[in-house]
Amino acid sequence: MPEIEVLVSEQCGSSGNVIAYGRRGHNQIAPILQTTPLWVALRSLVGFFRELLLPHGYPDSVSPDYLQYQVWDTAQAFCSTITGAFTTRAVLKGVGVGDAKANALSAAITWILKDGTGMVGRIIFAWWKGNNLDSDCKKWRLFADILNDLAMIFELFVPWFQGYSMQILCTTSAMKSIVGVAGGATRASITHHQAVRDNMAEISAKDGSQETVVNLVASALSIYLLQMFSGNVAEWSFIAALIILHLTFNYLAVKSLIFDTFNDQRMALVLKTYFNVGTVLNPVKVNKNETVILGFGLKVKKFCGFKIIVGESIRNVLKKYTWADFTQILSVYKDRNYFLLVDLEKRKLYVSMLRGETVEEMVAAYFHATCLAVATSIYNGIGLDIYSKRQLRHPTPITRINTFMKSYERAAHTSNIPFNHLMDLNDFVKQEYAMFETALHINGEWRCDWESDFKKDR
């Protein structure tokens, strides 16, 4: 066969099939088969499943951590579906399915109360913790899966406690309602992170397709497993193994996520490293060090002595300031888009932002608040590990703050830094933040500025 000259070739994304076109016949353009028909058919089949289950343009259209997260998420969904089949059998048995003596009305009432409890639980949890689900989505996603497994364990005991089936099912329904809210909200946050081309809807749809395929396969397999295991030690051992695998896969899934946006813990990790050694950790290292267990993780108070609070009412802390003091504080921050209030008694530092703030301004305010917290601790002789003797031998931001504060006498009793000193500290922090901001953009690869929908109202 004569060699056909390739005129043009095309490829969908960086991993799609390459299709070459050349001249054929007198004046025609046709695709060139550069491999055997069998290999072409196999590649076409792979391409079909790629289009069926993966976002268009994969892998360029998603975040770099997409594949690793989806693999672990798929594995955990497989385990959860099979475990759910065993719990469904236990629940149906517990409410009397298959028992001639069972009361259908009693079972119906139990089911209605169970669903009602779940509805109330969803409303209450969304009100209680809804504003924390975005910033700590890793923790809440893992927590949701732990709670889901705990609920399924309770349901497995329903046949042994049929007299308390209503109470158990209402409790597990409330637990699963929390799982539904937390899982759905955190999945949306993760999808937003994965959608690097503003393709959230498609990624969400394809995630649903992946989960459906996994559920179909797991459900088909569970039919065989339900017949194989029936109320013996082997069944409980198998379920225990599934739960352990489910939690392990979930942990690996959330740990594989590399967020390049700040939350409290990631900001604390970056700031602590920066103050100690003068460099900014990149997102990969910070996410690796980030704790994903709810209730744990580095808090900024641990190294600066104060809990930094952003966006909460300043009503209570204002009671500790006179009118003259507060007006002086406002004058100190007159050229800023925020002001800071220190509550020495409760070791809290409030950050109040100007309406229409940008993300970059929030980062600057948080950095300033951390510097003020450290400076206030030094001024009052409060011991902090961050400026230990070992660190003082190195020219780092914390040593510069310590040197700066040495020019002022320490307070004889616990008190805020005087206003004239605050003015000097402002200038010092301005220089420090300029270096920190440069390190963020050059070394950190952090996203800390984008177009805001809010306009400043001054």
Foldseek 3Di string as FASTA:
>chain_A
DDDFDWDDWDAFAPPGDIWTWGDDDDGDIDTDDPDDPVVVVVSVVVVVVCPQQPFGNPPVQWDPLVVQLLVLVLLLLLLLLLLVVLLVVLLCVLQPVVNPPHDPVVSVVLVVLLQVLLVVLLVVLCVVCVVPCQQLVLQLLLVLLVLLLVLSVLSNCSNVCSVCSSVSSNVSSSSNSSSVNSNVSSVLNVLVNTRPPPPSVRNVVSSVVSSVVSSVVSVVVSVVVCVVDDPDPVVVVVSVVSSVSSSVSSNSSSLSDQAQEDDQQLLLVQVLCCQQPNFGAASNVSSNQADNHPPDGDGNCQFLVAHEAEDDDCVVLCVVDDPVRVVLQCVLCVVAQWTWGADVVRRYIYIYGAPQDWLLSVSLSVLLSSLQSNLLCLLQVNDGPSPDPVSCVDPGNNVVSNVLSVVDHRDPHRDHDDSVVSSVSVVVSVVVVVSVVVSCVPPHVHDRGDDDPGDGDD
